[in-house]
Amino acid sequence: MNYWLMKSEPDAYGIEDLKRDRTTVWDGVRNYQARNFLRSMAPGDLVFFYHSNTTPPGIVGLMKVAEANIDDPTQFDAKSKYYDPKATKESPRWQTVVVAFVEIFPQFLSLDALRETFNPDELSVVRQGNRLSVMPVPEEVAQTILKQAKG
């Protein structure tokens, strides 16, 4: 099992939305490095849900990969802001995963708190200017996050 961190703006899709929906397709990722991380995910991997572009940003909960290596349906939808005219059903360019709700953490872990605990080599979300929306989390770091988030 691997650990990941995925960012979403709570106004667009937050942890409460996932709790309500139980599962969702994590669509709309249009960065090749993030896409490659999505391609590396496997069912059962655990994912930290990070609320971005809010005050303060931080880790709010946990989800797991329910299905892996599915074609992002938004790449084929001409009405979607994530439409990619170069993508075809025969040759899709963007893959993603289906995630399932696990829990909302009792302890919110703000970006500032994460910076106090981890350096950028340990947890890339604390790196100044990091805009990547999907990133791996080393197991040792993930275990520390889980302990802190559960109080």
N, C-alpha and C. Protein backbone atom coordinates (compact mmCIF):
# COMPACT_ATOMS: atom_id res chain seq x y z
N MET A 1 0.85 -1.18 0.00
CA MET A 1 0.00 0.00 0.00
C MET A 1 0.89 1.24 0.00
N ASN A 2 0.46 2.23 -0.78
CA ASN A 2 1.15 3.51 -0.82
C ASN A 2 0.26 4.59 -0.25
N TYR A 3 0.89 5.73 0.07
CA TYR A 3 0.18 6.88 0.61
C TYR A 3 0.36 8.05 -0.35
N TRP A 4 -0.68 8.87 -0.44
CA TRP A 4 -0.70 10.00 -1.35
C TRP A 4 -1.34 11.19 -0.66
N LEU A 5 -1.17 12.35 -1.24
CA LEU A 5 -1.89 13.55 -0.82
C LEU A 5 -2.49 14.14 -2.08
N MET A 6 -3.79 14.48 -2.01
CA MET A 6 -4.48 15.09 -3.13
C MET A 6 -5.18 16.35 -2.64
N LYS A 7 -5.02 17.41 -3.42
CA LYS A 7 -5.58 18.71 -3.07
C LYS A 7 -6.90 18.96 -3.81
N SER A 8 -7.80 19.63 -3.10
CA SER A 8 -9.03 20.12 -3.72
C SER A 8 -9.46 21.37 -2.98
N GLU A 9 -9.99 22.32 -3.71
CA GLU A 9 -10.53 23.51 -3.07
C GLU A 9 -11.87 23.14 -2.45
N PRO A 10 -12.07 23.43 -1.17
CA PRO A 10 -13.31 23.01 -0.52
C PRO A 10 -14.57 23.61 -1.16
N ASP A 11 -14.44 24.77 -1.81
CA ASP A 11 -15.59 25.36 -2.50
C ASP A 11 -15.95 24.58 -3.76
N ALA A 12 -14.96 23.91 -4.35
CA ALA A 12 -15.20 23.11 -5.55
C ALA A 12 -15.65 21.70 -5.18
N TYR A 13 -14.89 21.03 -4.30
CA TYR A 13 -15.24 19.70 -3.82
C TYR A 13 -14.45 19.45 -2.55
N GLY A 14 -15.13 19.43 -1.43
CA GLY A 14 -14.48 19.26 -0.14
C GLY A 14 -14.73 17.89 0.47
N ILE A 15 -14.13 17.69 1.62
CA ILE A 15 -14.26 16.40 2.33
C ILE A 15 -15.72 16.11 2.68
N GLU A 16 -16.49 17.14 3.01
CA GLU A 16 -17.91 16.92 3.32
C GLU A 16 -18.67 16.42 2.09
N ASP A 17 -18.28 16.90 0.91
CA ASP A 17 -18.91 16.41 -0.33
C ASP A 17 -18.60 14.93 -0.53
N LEU A 18 -17.34 14.55 -0.29
CA LEU A 18 -16.97 13.15 -0.43
C LEU A 18 -17.68 12.29 0.61
N LYS A 19 -17.80 12.80 1.82
CA LYS A 19 -18.52 12.05 2.87
C LYS A 19 -19.96 11.79 2.42
N ARG A 20 -20.59 12.79 1.84
CA ARG A 20 -21.97 12.65 1.36
C ARG A 20 -22.04 11.67 0.19
N ASP A 21 -21.11 11.82 -0.77
CA ASP A 21 -21.16 11.01 -1.99
C ASP A 21 -20.60 9.60 -1.81
N ARG A 22 -19.78 9.40 -0.80
CA ARG A 22 -19.11 8.14 -0.48
C ARG A 22 -17.96 7.81 -1.45
N THR A 23 -18.15 8.01 -2.77
CA THR A 23 -17.07 7.82 -3.75
C THR A 23 -17.19 8.92 -4.80
N THR A 24 -16.08 9.18 -5.49
CA THR A 24 -16.11 10.13 -6.60
C THR A 24 -14.94 9.85 -7.53
N VAL A 25 -15.13 10.22 -8.79
CA VAL A 25 -14.04 10.20 -9.76
C VAL A 25 -13.24 11.48 -9.52
N TRP A 26 -11.93 11.35 -9.33
CA TRP A 26 -11.06 12.50 -9.07
C TRP A 26 -10.64 13.08 -10.43
N ASP A 27 -11.55 13.80 -11.07
CA ASP A 27 -11.33 14.24 -12.44
C ASP A 27 -10.74 15.64 -12.53
N GLY A 28 -10.31 15.97 -13.74
CA GLY A 28 -9.86 17.33 -14.01
C GLY A 28 -8.39 17.61 -13.78
N VAL A 29 -7.60 16.61 -13.42
CA VAL A 29 -6.16 16.84 -13.22
C VAL A 29 -5.52 16.99 -14.60
N ARG A 30 -4.87 18.13 -14.82
CA ARG A 30 -4.27 18.41 -16.11
C ARG A 30 -2.81 18.84 -15.98
N ASN A 31 -2.09 18.10 -15.19
CA ASN A 31 -0.64 18.28 -15.03
C ASN A 31 -0.05 16.90 -15.24
N TYR A 32 0.97 16.80 -16.10
CA TYR A 32 1.50 15.49 -16.46
C TYR A 32 2.14 14.76 -15.27
N GLN A 33 2.83 15.49 -14.40
CA GLN A 33 3.45 14.83 -13.25
C GLN A 33 2.36 14.30 -12.31
N ALA A 34 1.33 15.12 -12.06
CA ALA A 34 0.22 14.66 -11.22
C ALA A 34 -0.49 13.48 -11.86
N ARG A 35 -0.68 13.53 -13.19
CA ARG A 35 -1.31 12.41 -13.90
C ARG A 35 -0.49 11.14 -13.74
N ASN A 36 0.82 11.27 -13.82
CA ASN A 36 1.67 10.08 -13.67
C ASN A 36 1.56 9.50 -12.26
N PHE A 37 1.43 10.36 -11.26
CA PHE A 37 1.20 9.86 -9.90
C PHE A 37 -0.14 9.14 -9.83
N LEU A 38 -1.17 9.70 -10.45
CA LEU A 38 -2.48 9.03 -10.48
C LEU A 38 -2.37 7.66 -11.13
N ARG A 39 -1.58 7.55 -12.18
CA ARG A 39 -1.38 6.26 -12.86
C ARG A 39 -0.68 5.25 -11.97
N SER A 40 0.07 5.72 -10.98
CA SER A 40 0.82 4.84 -10.08
C SER A 40 -0.01 4.32 -8.92
N MET A 41 -1.20 4.85 -8.76
CA MET A 41 -2.04 4.45 -7.62
C MET A 41 -2.67 3.08 -7.85
N ALA A 42 -2.97 2.41 -6.72
CA ALA A 42 -3.60 1.10 -6.77
C ALA A 42 -4.75 1.05 -5.77
N PRO A 43 -5.75 0.23 -6.04
CA PRO A 43 -6.85 0.10 -5.08
C PRO A 43 -6.30 -0.24 -3.69
N GLY A 44 -6.85 0.44 -2.69
CA GLY A 44 -6.41 0.25 -1.31
C GLY A 44 -5.41 1.27 -0.84
N ASP A 45 -4.74 1.97 -1.77
CA ASP A 45 -3.84 3.04 -1.35
C ASP A 45 -4.61 4.08 -0.55
N LEU A 46 -3.98 4.66 0.45
CA LEU A 46 -4.62 5.70 1.27
C LEU A 46 -4.18 7.07 0.80
N VAL A 47 -5.13 8.01 0.84
CA VAL A 47 -4.91 9.35 0.30
C VAL A 47 -5.34 10.39 1.34
N PHE A 48 -4.44 11.30 1.65
CA PHE A 48 -4.78 12.42 2.52
C PHE A 48 -5.53 13.46 1.70
N PHE A 49 -6.66 13.90 2.22
CA PHE A 49 -7.48 14.91 1.55
C PHE A 49 -7.05 16.27 2.08
N TYR A 50 -6.53 17.10 1.18
CA TYR A 50 -5.97 18.41 1.53
C TYR A 50 -6.85 19.50 0.95
N HIS A 51 -7.36 20.39 1.82
CA HIS A 51 -8.12 21.54 1.34
C HIS A 51 -7.15 22.66 0.98
N SER A 52 -7.17 23.06 -0.29
CA SER A 52 -6.27 24.11 -0.77
C SER A 52 -7.06 25.38 -1.06
N ASN A 53 -6.32 26.44 -1.29
CA ASN A 53 -6.92 27.73 -1.64
C ASN A 53 -8.00 28.15 -0.66
N THR A 54 -7.71 27.97 0.61
CA THR A 54 -8.60 28.36 1.70
C THR A 54 -7.71 28.83 2.84
N THR A 55 -8.31 29.45 3.84
CA THR A 55 -7.52 29.93 4.97
C THR A 55 -7.97 29.25 6.25
N PRO A 56 -7.11 28.50 6.89
CA PRO A 56 -5.81 28.04 6.39
C PRO A 56 -5.98 26.77 5.56
N PRO A 57 -5.05 26.51 4.65
CA PRO A 57 -5.08 25.23 3.94
C PRO A 57 -4.53 24.12 4.84
N GLY A 58 -4.89 22.88 4.52
CA GLY A 58 -4.34 21.77 5.29
C GLY A 58 -5.06 20.46 5.06
N ILE A 59 -4.59 19.44 5.76
CA ILE A 59 -5.14 18.09 5.65
C ILE A 59 -6.36 17.98 6.55
N VAL A 60 -7.48 17.53 5.96
CA VAL A 60 -8.74 17.45 6.69
C VAL A 60 -9.25 16.03 6.89
N GLY A 61 -8.73 15.08 6.11
CA GLY A 61 -9.26 13.74 6.24
C GLY A 61 -8.53 12.74 5.38
N LEU A 62 -9.15 11.57 5.28
CA LEU A 62 -8.53 10.43 4.61
C LEU A 62 -9.53 9.79 3.65
N MET A 63 -9.01 9.39 2.50
CA MET A 63 -9.80 8.63 1.54
C MET A 63 -8.93 7.49 1.05
N LYS A 64 -9.53 6.58 0.30
CA LYS A 64 -8.73 5.48 -0.26
C LYS A 64 -9.07 5.33 -1.73
N VAL A 65 -8.12 4.77 -2.46
CA VAL A 65 -8.32 4.51 -3.88
C VAL A 65 -9.24 3.29 -4.00
N ALA A 66 -10.38 3.49 -4.65
CA ALA A 66 -11.34 2.40 -4.85
C ALA A 66 -11.15 1.74 -6.21
N GLU A 67 -10.85 2.54 -7.23
CA GLU A 67 -10.57 2.04 -8.57
C GLU A 67 -9.40 2.82 -9.13
N ALA A 68 -8.55 2.16 -9.87
CA ALA A 68 -7.37 2.81 -10.42
C ALA A 68 -7.35 2.72 -11.94
N ASN A 69 -6.56 3.60 -12.53
CA ASN A 69 -6.31 3.60 -13.97
C ASN A 69 -7.57 3.65 -14.81
N ILE A 70 -8.44 4.60 -14.50
CA ILE A 70 -9.62 4.80 -15.33
C ILE A 70 -9.39 6.07 -16.16
N ASP A 71 -9.97 6.12 -17.32
CA ASP A 71 -9.85 7.30 -18.16
C ASP A 71 -10.69 8.42 -17.57
N ASP A 72 -10.09 9.60 -17.45
CA ASP A 72 -10.82 10.77 -16.94
C ASP A 72 -11.90 11.12 -17.95
N PRO A 73 -13.18 11.00 -17.58
CA PRO A 73 -14.25 11.24 -18.54
C PRO A 73 -14.34 12.69 -19.01
N THR A 74 -13.82 13.64 -18.24
CA THR A 74 -13.94 15.05 -18.62
C THR A 74 -13.10 15.40 -19.85
N GLN A 75 -12.08 14.60 -20.16
CA GLN A 75 -11.25 14.89 -21.32
C GLN A 75 -12.02 14.74 -22.63
N PHE A 76 -13.11 13.97 -22.62
CA PHE A 76 -13.90 13.72 -23.82
C PHE A 76 -15.14 14.62 -23.94
N ASP A 77 -15.43 15.38 -22.87
CA ASP A 77 -16.66 16.19 -22.80
C ASP A 77 -16.37 17.62 -23.26
N ALA A 78 -16.84 17.95 -24.46
CA ALA A 78 -16.58 19.27 -25.03
C ALA A 78 -17.14 20.40 -24.17
N LYS A 79 -18.09 20.12 -23.31
CA LYS A 79 -18.68 21.15 -22.44
C LYS A 79 -17.90 21.33 -21.14
N SER A 80 -16.97 20.45 -20.88
CA SER A 80 -16.19 20.50 -19.64
C SER A 80 -15.01 21.46 -19.77
N LYS A 81 -14.69 22.16 -18.70
CA LYS A 81 -13.51 23.02 -18.73
C LYS A 81 -12.22 22.18 -18.79
N TYR A 82 -12.33 20.88 -18.56
CA TYR A 82 -11.18 19.97 -18.62
C TYR A 82 -11.11 19.20 -19.94
N TYR A 83 -11.93 19.60 -20.90
CA TYR A 83 -11.95 18.96 -22.23
C TYR A 83 -10.57 19.06 -22.87
N ASP A 84 -10.15 17.96 -23.49
CA ASP A 84 -8.88 17.93 -24.22
C ASP A 84 -9.16 17.47 -25.64
N PRO A 85 -9.13 18.38 -26.60
CA PRO A 85 -9.48 17.99 -27.98
C PRO A 85 -8.52 16.98 -28.59
N LYS A 86 -7.32 16.82 -28.01
CA LYS A 86 -6.37 15.84 -28.53
C LYS A 86 -6.61 14.44 -27.98
N ALA A 87 -7.46 14.32 -26.97
CA ALA A 87 -7.76 13.02 -26.36
C ALA A 87 -8.89 12.34 -27.14
N THR A 88 -8.72 11.04 -27.36
CA THR A 88 -9.78 10.25 -27.99
C THR A 88 -10.01 9.01 -27.14
N LYS A 89 -11.14 8.37 -27.34
CA LYS A 89 -11.44 7.14 -26.60
C LYS A 89 -10.39 6.07 -26.91
N GLU A 90 -9.89 6.08 -28.16
CA GLU A 90 -8.87 5.10 -28.55
C GLU A 90 -7.50 5.46 -28.00
N SER A 91 -7.27 6.74 -27.76
CA SER A 91 -5.97 7.20 -27.27
C SER A 91 -6.16 8.30 -26.21
N PRO A 92 -6.66 7.90 -25.03
CA PRO A 92 -6.88 8.90 -23.97
C PRO A 92 -5.54 9.43 -23.45
N ARG A 93 -5.56 10.67 -22.97
CA ARG A 93 -4.34 11.28 -22.46
C ARG A 93 -4.33 11.39 -20.95
N TRP A 94 -5.51 11.32 -20.34
CA TRP A 94 -5.62 11.60 -18.91
C TRP A 94 -6.29 10.45 -18.19
N GLN A 95 -5.59 9.90 -17.20
CA GLN A 95 -6.16 8.85 -16.37
C GLN A 95 -6.34 9.40 -14.95
N THR A 96 -7.20 8.71 -14.22
CA THR A 96 -7.47 9.14 -12.85
C THR A 96 -7.88 7.93 -12.02
N VAL A 97 -8.42 8.21 -10.86
CA VAL A 97 -8.85 7.16 -9.94
C VAL A 97 -10.23 7.51 -9.39
N VAL A 98 -10.88 6.50 -8.84
CA VAL A 98 -12.08 6.71 -8.03
C VAL A 98 -11.62 6.60 -6.58
N VAL A 99 -12.00 7.59 -5.77
CA VAL A 99 -11.65 7.57 -4.35
C VAL A 99 -12.91 7.37 -3.53
N ALA A 100 -12.72 6.77 -2.35
CA ALA A 100 -13.81 6.51 -1.42
C ALA A 100 -13.51 7.19 -0.09
N PHE A 101 -14.53 7.71 0.53
CA PHE A 101 -14.41 8.37 1.83
C PHE A 101 -13.97 7.36 2.89
N VAL A 102 -13.05 7.76 3.74
CA VAL A 102 -12.66 6.96 4.90
C VAL A 102 -13.04 7.69 6.18
N GLU A 103 -12.52 8.93 6.35
CA GLU A 103 -12.86 9.67 7.57
C GLU A 103 -12.45 11.13 7.47
N ILE A 104 -13.13 11.93 8.29
CA ILE A 104 -12.71 13.30 8.56
C ILE A 104 -11.88 13.23 9.83
N PHE A 105 -10.70 13.81 9.82
CA PHE A 105 -9.83 13.74 11.00
C PHE A 105 -10.36 14.61 12.14
N PRO A 106 -10.22 14.12 13.37
CA PRO A 106 -10.61 14.94 14.51
C PRO A 106 -9.71 16.17 14.67
N GLN A 107 -8.48 16.06 14.19
CA GLN A 107 -7.50 17.15 14.29
C GLN A 107 -7.13 17.63 12.90
N PHE A 108 -7.49 18.87 12.56
CA PHE A 108 -7.10 19.49 11.29
C PHE A 108 -5.60 19.77 11.33
N LEU A 109 -4.90 19.44 10.25
CA LEU A 109 -3.46 19.68 10.18
C LEU A 109 -3.19 20.79 9.16
N SER A 110 -2.99 21.99 9.66
CA SER A 110 -2.78 23.14 8.78
C SER A 110 -1.43 23.02 8.08
N LEU A 111 -1.29 23.76 7.00
CA LEU A 111 -0.01 23.81 6.28
C LEU A 111 1.10 24.29 7.21
N ASP A 112 0.81 25.27 8.06
CA ASP A 112 1.81 25.76 9.02
C ASP A 112 2.25 24.65 9.97
N ALA A 113 1.28 23.87 10.46
CA ALA A 113 1.61 22.75 11.36
C ALA A 113 2.44 21.70 10.63
N LEU A 114 2.10 21.44 9.37
CA LEU A 114 2.88 20.48 8.59
C LEU A 114 4.30 20.98 8.38
N ARG A 115 4.46 22.28 8.16
CA ARG A 115 5.80 22.87 7.99
C ARG A 115 6.63 22.78 9.27
N GLU A 116 5.96 22.81 10.42
CA GLU A 116 6.68 22.68 11.69
C GLU A 116 7.20 21.26 11.90
N THR A 117 6.54 20.29 11.29
CA THR A 117 6.88 18.89 11.50
C THR A 117 7.78 18.32 10.41
N PHE A 118 7.56 18.74 9.17
CA PHE A 118 8.25 18.13 8.03
C PHE A 118 9.02 19.17 7.22
N ASN A 119 10.11 18.71 6.61
CA ASN A 119 10.83 19.58 5.67
C ASN A 119 10.39 19.22 4.25
N PRO A 120 10.72 20.05 3.27
CA PRO A 120 10.26 19.80 1.89
C PRO A 120 10.73 18.48 1.29
N ASP A 121 11.84 17.94 1.76
CA ASP A 121 12.28 16.65 1.25
C ASP A 121 11.44 15.50 1.80
N GLU A 122 10.81 15.71 2.94
CA GLU A 122 9.97 14.67 3.55
C GLU A 122 8.54 14.72 3.01
N LEU A 123 8.01 15.95 2.86
CA LEU A 123 6.62 16.14 2.44
C LEU A 123 6.57 17.33 1.48
N SER A 124 6.39 17.04 0.20
CA SER A 124 6.55 18.09 -0.80
C SER A 124 5.49 19.19 -0.73
N VAL A 125 4.35 18.93 -0.09
CA VAL A 125 3.33 19.98 -0.01
C VAL A 125 3.81 21.18 0.81
N VAL A 126 4.82 20.99 1.66
CA VAL A 126 5.32 22.11 2.46
C VAL A 126 6.35 22.95 1.69
N ARG A 127 6.75 22.50 0.53
CA ARG A 127 7.72 23.24 -0.29
C ARG A 127 7.09 24.53 -0.77
N GLN A 128 7.78 25.64 -0.59
CA GLN A 128 7.30 26.94 -1.04
C GLN A 128 7.01 26.90 -2.53
N GLY A 129 5.83 27.36 -2.92
CA GLY A 129 5.47 27.43 -4.32
C GLY A 129 5.00 26.12 -4.94
N ASN A 130 4.85 25.06 -4.15
CA ASN A 130 4.40 23.78 -4.69
C ASN A 130 2.94 23.90 -5.12
N ARG A 131 2.68 23.69 -6.40
CA ARG A 131 1.33 23.80 -6.93
C ARG A 131 0.76 22.44 -7.36
N LEU A 132 1.54 21.39 -7.21
CA LEU A 132 1.12 20.07 -7.65
C LEU A 132 -0.09 19.60 -6.82
N SER A 133 -1.10 19.06 -7.49
CA SER A 133 -2.33 18.67 -6.80
C SER A 133 -2.37 17.21 -6.35
N VAL A 134 -1.42 16.41 -6.81
CA VAL A 134 -1.33 15.00 -6.44
C VAL A 134 0.14 14.71 -6.17
N MET A 135 0.44 14.10 -5.01
CA MET A 135 1.84 13.81 -4.70
C MET A 135 1.94 12.61 -3.77
N PRO A 136 3.04 11.88 -3.88
CA PRO A 136 3.26 10.74 -2.97
C PRO A 136 3.64 11.23 -1.57
N VAL A 137 3.35 10.39 -0.59
CA VAL A 137 3.74 10.65 0.80
C VAL A 137 4.48 9.41 1.29
N PRO A 138 5.73 9.57 1.73
CA PRO A 138 6.46 8.41 2.25
C PRO A 138 5.74 7.80 3.46
N GLU A 139 5.86 6.48 3.62
CA GLU A 139 5.13 5.78 4.68
C GLU A 139 5.44 6.33 6.07
N GLU A 140 6.69 6.61 6.36
CA GLU A 140 7.06 7.14 7.67
C GLU A 140 6.37 8.49 7.94
N VAL A 141 6.32 9.33 6.94
CA VAL A 141 5.64 10.63 7.05
C VAL A 141 4.14 10.40 7.22
N ALA A 142 3.58 9.48 6.45
CA ALA A 142 2.15 9.18 6.54
C ALA A 142 1.77 8.71 7.95
N GLN A 143 2.60 7.88 8.54
CA GLN A 143 2.31 7.39 9.90
C GLN A 143 2.32 8.54 10.90
N THR A 144 3.23 9.48 10.75
CA THR A 144 3.28 10.65 11.63
C THR A 144 2.04 11.50 11.44
N ILE A 145 1.64 11.72 10.19
CA ILE A 145 0.42 12.50 9.91
C ILE A 145 -0.79 11.83 10.55
N LEU A 146 -0.91 10.52 10.41
CA LEU A 146 -2.05 9.80 10.98
C LEU A 146 -2.09 9.95 12.49
N LYS A 147 -0.94 9.86 13.16
CA LYS A 147 -0.89 10.03 14.62
C LYS A 147 -1.32 11.43 15.02
N GLN A 148 -0.81 12.44 14.33
CA GLN A 148 -1.14 13.83 14.66
C GLN A 148 -2.62 14.12 14.40
N ALA A 149 -3.14 13.61 13.30
CA ALA A 149 -4.52 13.91 12.92
C ALA A 149 -5.54 13.23 13.82
N LYS A 150 -5.14 12.14 14.44
CA LYS A 150 -6.08 11.41 15.29
C LYS A 150 -5.93 11.79 16.75
N GLY A 151 -5.07 12.81 17.01
CA GLY A 151 -4.94 13.35 18.35
C GLY A 151 -4.18 12.44 19.24
